[in-house]
N, C-alpha and C. Protein backbone atom coordinates (compact mmCIF):
# COMPACT_ATOMS: atom_id res chain seq x y z
N MET A 1 225.07 8.67 117.61
CA MET A 1 224.91 10.09 117.92
C MET A 1 226.42 10.66 118.21
N LEU A 2 226.48 11.85 117.67
CA LEU A 2 227.78 12.57 117.73
C LEU A 2 227.94 13.37 119.03
N ALA A 3 229.15 13.55 119.50
CA ALA A 3 229.34 14.48 120.65
C ALA A 3 229.05 15.88 120.34
N ASP A 4 228.76 16.61 121.27
CA ASP A 4 228.40 18.11 121.06
C ASP A 4 229.62 18.71 120.36
N GLY A 5 229.24 19.50 119.27
CA GLY A 5 230.30 20.26 118.53
C GLY A 5 230.95 19.41 117.47
N GLN A 6 230.73 18.06 117.43
CA GLN A 6 231.46 17.27 116.45
C GLN A 6 230.63 17.27 115.12
N GLU A 7 231.30 17.50 114.08
CA GLU A 7 230.70 17.57 112.72
C GLU A 7 230.61 16.13 112.19
N PRO A 8 229.40 15.82 111.59
CA PRO A 8 229.29 14.54 111.00
C PRO A 8 230.16 14.30 109.79
N GLU A 9 230.58 13.16 109.39
CA GLU A 9 231.43 12.90 108.22
C GLU A 9 230.46 12.56 107.09
N PHE A 10 230.64 13.26 105.98
CA PHE A 10 229.81 12.99 104.78
C PHE A 10 230.75 12.80 103.59
N HIS A 11 230.23 12.03 102.63
CA HIS A 11 231.00 11.76 101.39
C HIS A 11 230.02 11.84 100.20
N VAL A 12 230.40 12.49 99.10
CA VAL A 12 229.65 12.55 97.85
C VAL A 12 230.60 11.91 96.82
N LEU A 13 230.20 10.78 96.29
CA LEU A 13 231.08 10.07 95.42
C LEU A 13 230.40 9.50 94.26
N PRO A 14 230.83 9.48 93.09
CA PRO A 14 231.93 10.24 92.63
C PRO A 14 231.51 11.71 92.40
N ASN A 15 232.42 12.57 92.50
CA ASN A 15 232.14 14.02 92.28
C ASN A 15 233.32 14.63 91.57
N PRO A 16 233.22 14.82 90.17
CA PRO A 16 232.06 14.92 89.39
C PRO A 16 231.45 13.61 89.09
N ALA A 17 230.10 13.65 88.90
CA ALA A 17 229.33 12.45 88.68
C ALA A 17 228.92 12.42 87.10
N ILE A 18 228.73 11.16 86.67
CA ILE A 18 228.29 10.96 85.26
C ILE A 18 226.84 10.55 85.22
N THR A 19 226.58 9.40 85.80
CA THR A 19 225.19 8.83 85.65
C THR A 19 224.58 8.82 87.10
N SER A 20 225.35 8.81 88.13
CA SER A 20 224.79 8.86 89.48
C SER A 20 225.84 9.23 90.50
N PHE A 21 225.44 9.58 91.66
CA PHE A 21 226.41 9.73 92.78
C PHE A 21 225.74 9.27 94.09
N ARG A 22 226.56 8.99 94.97
CA ARG A 22 226.15 8.39 96.38
C ARG A 22 226.44 9.38 97.44
N VAL A 23 225.48 9.73 98.28
CA VAL A 23 225.73 10.56 99.47
C VAL A 23 225.73 9.52 100.68
N GLU A 24 226.82 9.51 101.40
CA GLU A 24 226.86 8.56 102.51
C GLU A 24 227.56 9.24 103.75
N SER A 25 227.18 8.67 104.88
CA SER A 25 227.78 8.94 106.15
C SER A 25 228.01 7.78 107.01
N PRO A 26 229.31 7.55 107.40
CA PRO A 26 229.51 6.35 108.21
C PRO A 26 229.14 6.50 109.65
N THR A 27 228.71 7.68 110.08
CA THR A 27 228.42 7.96 111.43
C THR A 27 226.94 8.28 111.84
N VAL A 28 226.22 8.87 110.88
CA VAL A 28 224.84 9.32 111.24
C VAL A 28 223.97 8.90 110.06
N ASP A 29 222.63 8.78 110.35
CA ASP A 29 221.58 8.57 109.34
C ASP A 29 221.19 9.84 108.61
N ILE A 30 220.96 9.75 107.35
CA ILE A 30 220.55 10.92 106.52
C ILE A 30 219.09 10.86 106.40
N GLU A 31 218.40 11.96 106.74
CA GLU A 31 216.84 11.99 106.70
C GLU A 31 216.45 12.37 105.25
N THR A 32 216.94 13.46 104.73
CA THR A 32 216.55 13.87 103.32
C THR A 32 217.75 14.29 102.52
N VAL A 33 217.62 14.28 101.21
CA VAL A 33 218.57 14.72 100.34
C VAL A 33 217.86 15.54 99.27
N GLU A 34 218.12 16.74 99.05
CA GLU A 34 217.52 17.53 97.97
C GLU A 34 218.56 18.16 97.03
N LEU A 35 218.20 18.22 95.80
CA LEU A 35 219.16 18.69 94.76
C LEU A 35 218.59 20.09 94.18
N TYR A 36 219.40 21.10 94.07
CA TYR A 36 219.03 22.36 93.59
C TYR A 36 219.95 22.77 92.40
N THR A 37 219.36 23.54 91.53
CA THR A 37 220.35 24.18 90.54
C THR A 37 221.03 25.37 91.26
N VAL A 38 222.04 25.92 90.59
CA VAL A 38 222.75 27.03 91.23
C VAL A 38 221.80 28.28 91.30
N ALA A 39 220.77 28.25 90.46
CA ALA A 39 219.80 29.33 90.43
C ALA A 39 218.86 29.30 91.61
N GLY A 40 218.87 28.16 92.30
CA GLY A 40 218.00 27.88 93.49
C GLY A 40 216.73 27.16 93.21
N GLN A 41 216.59 26.58 91.95
CA GLN A 41 215.46 25.81 91.60
C GLN A 41 215.60 24.39 92.23
N LYS A 42 214.61 24.08 92.99
CA LYS A 42 214.61 22.80 93.71
C LYS A 42 214.20 21.67 92.68
N LEU A 43 215.00 20.70 92.58
CA LEU A 43 214.73 19.50 91.71
C LEU A 43 213.95 18.52 92.64
N ALA A 44 213.53 17.38 92.15
CA ALA A 44 212.80 16.48 92.99
C ALA A 44 213.58 16.07 94.29
N PRO A 45 212.88 16.20 95.52
CA PRO A 45 213.49 15.74 96.60
C PRO A 45 213.83 14.24 96.63
N LEU A 46 214.81 13.82 97.23
CA LEU A 46 215.25 12.42 97.28
C LEU A 46 215.24 11.90 98.67
N GLN A 47 214.52 10.84 99.07
CA GLN A 47 214.48 10.36 100.35
C GLN A 47 215.50 9.28 100.53
N SER A 48 216.15 9.30 101.67
CA SER A 48 217.10 8.24 101.93
C SER A 48 216.64 7.21 102.94
N ASN A 49 215.34 7.28 103.35
CA ASN A 49 214.75 6.38 104.28
C ASN A 49 215.55 6.21 105.52
N GLU A 50 216.15 7.38 106.00
CA GLU A 50 216.83 7.41 107.28
C GLU A 50 217.88 6.30 107.32
N GLN A 51 218.65 6.12 106.29
CA GLN A 51 219.77 5.25 106.30
C GLN A 51 220.97 6.08 106.20
N ARG A 52 222.11 5.42 106.14
CA ARG A 52 223.42 6.17 106.05
C ARG A 52 223.87 6.43 104.60
N PHE A 53 222.94 6.28 103.71
CA PHE A 53 223.34 6.62 102.28
C PHE A 53 222.07 6.88 101.43
N ALA A 54 222.29 7.58 100.36
CA ALA A 54 221.21 7.88 99.32
C ALA A 54 222.02 7.85 98.01
N ILE A 55 221.31 7.28 96.94
CA ILE A 55 221.90 7.21 95.60
C ILE A 55 221.01 8.24 94.75
N VAL A 56 221.74 9.09 94.06
CA VAL A 56 221.10 10.12 93.26
C VAL A 56 221.37 9.88 91.78
N ASN A 57 220.34 9.60 90.97
CA ASN A 57 220.51 9.38 89.53
C ASN A 57 220.64 10.65 88.84
N THR A 58 221.64 10.83 87.94
CA THR A 58 221.82 12.16 87.26
C THR A 58 221.70 11.92 85.74
N ASP A 59 221.13 10.86 85.32
CA ASP A 59 220.92 10.60 83.84
C ASP A 59 220.07 11.76 83.26
N GLN A 60 219.08 12.27 83.89
CA GLN A 60 218.21 13.33 83.31
C GLN A 60 218.70 14.79 83.56
N LEU A 61 219.77 14.89 84.18
CA LEU A 61 220.28 16.30 84.48
C LEU A 61 221.26 16.75 83.38
N ALA A 62 221.17 18.08 83.09
CA ALA A 62 222.14 18.63 82.22
C ALA A 62 223.53 18.79 82.95
N ALA A 63 224.60 18.77 82.15
CA ALA A 63 225.85 18.90 82.74
C ALA A 63 225.90 20.18 83.47
N GLY A 64 226.62 20.33 84.65
CA GLY A 64 226.66 21.52 85.28
C GLY A 64 226.89 21.41 86.77
N VAL A 65 226.83 22.43 87.60
CA VAL A 65 227.03 22.45 88.99
C VAL A 65 225.61 22.48 89.68
N TYR A 66 225.49 21.67 90.70
CA TYR A 66 224.23 21.57 91.48
C TYR A 66 224.64 21.69 92.91
N LEU A 67 223.60 22.06 93.72
CA LEU A 67 223.78 22.12 95.17
C LEU A 67 223.01 21.02 95.79
N LEU A 68 223.62 20.25 96.68
CA LEU A 68 223.02 19.17 97.40
C LEU A 68 222.82 19.55 98.85
N ARG A 69 221.58 19.46 99.33
CA ARG A 69 221.22 19.81 100.66
C ARG A 69 220.81 18.52 101.39
N ASP A 70 221.48 18.24 102.50
CA ASP A 70 221.15 17.06 103.26
C ASP A 70 220.75 17.33 104.66
N THR A 71 219.83 16.50 105.17
CA THR A 71 219.44 16.81 106.59
C THR A 71 219.79 15.49 107.37
N ILE A 72 220.37 15.61 108.53
CA ILE A 72 220.68 14.56 109.39
C ILE A 72 219.51 14.32 110.28
N VAL A 73 219.18 13.13 110.51
CA VAL A 73 218.07 12.72 111.45
C VAL A 73 218.23 13.41 112.76
N GLY A 74 217.31 14.30 113.19
CA GLY A 74 217.40 14.98 114.45
C GLY A 74 218.46 16.02 114.68
N GLN A 75 219.19 16.41 113.64
CA GLN A 75 220.30 17.23 113.82
C GLN A 75 220.21 18.43 112.86
N ARG A 76 221.24 18.61 112.02
CA ARG A 76 221.37 19.69 111.12
C ARG A 76 221.34 19.47 109.68
N GLU A 77 221.42 20.54 108.96
CA GLU A 77 221.41 20.54 107.47
C GLU A 77 222.79 20.91 106.96
N GLY A 78 223.14 20.33 105.83
CA GLY A 78 224.45 20.70 105.20
C GLY A 78 224.15 20.90 103.72
N VAL A 79 225.08 21.70 103.08
CA VAL A 79 224.95 21.99 101.65
C VAL A 79 226.36 21.67 100.97
N ARG A 80 226.30 20.94 99.88
CA ARG A 80 227.60 20.57 99.25
C ARG A 80 227.42 20.84 97.75
N LYS A 81 228.50 21.12 97.04
CA LYS A 81 228.47 21.33 95.61
C LYS A 81 228.71 19.96 94.91
N VAL A 82 227.89 19.65 93.88
CA VAL A 82 228.07 18.46 93.07
C VAL A 82 228.14 18.88 91.63
N VAL A 83 229.14 18.29 90.86
CA VAL A 83 229.23 18.57 89.51
C VAL A 83 228.79 17.36 88.67
N VAL A 84 227.95 17.64 87.69
CA VAL A 84 227.50 16.55 86.82
C VAL A 84 228.14 16.81 85.44
N THR A 85 228.74 15.80 84.85
CA THR A 85 229.38 15.86 83.56
C THR A 85 228.60 15.17 82.49
């Protein structure tokens, strides 16, 4: 658990991604990971099983920019940009 006002540390690697990328946090568990197009279309939600990482397969995605929305167990949501090549 993080102290009040402390932001959790997140990594999205590699970014840009070719065949997959990994969302990870060394400090908190990730509840859900969702991928959206920049137009706001939600792609299949990805469950992380409340672990500190999730792997997203990008084989079926067109090259471009996507938005990644993650939810921390019992806390907040965050949005990050992911580039697929």
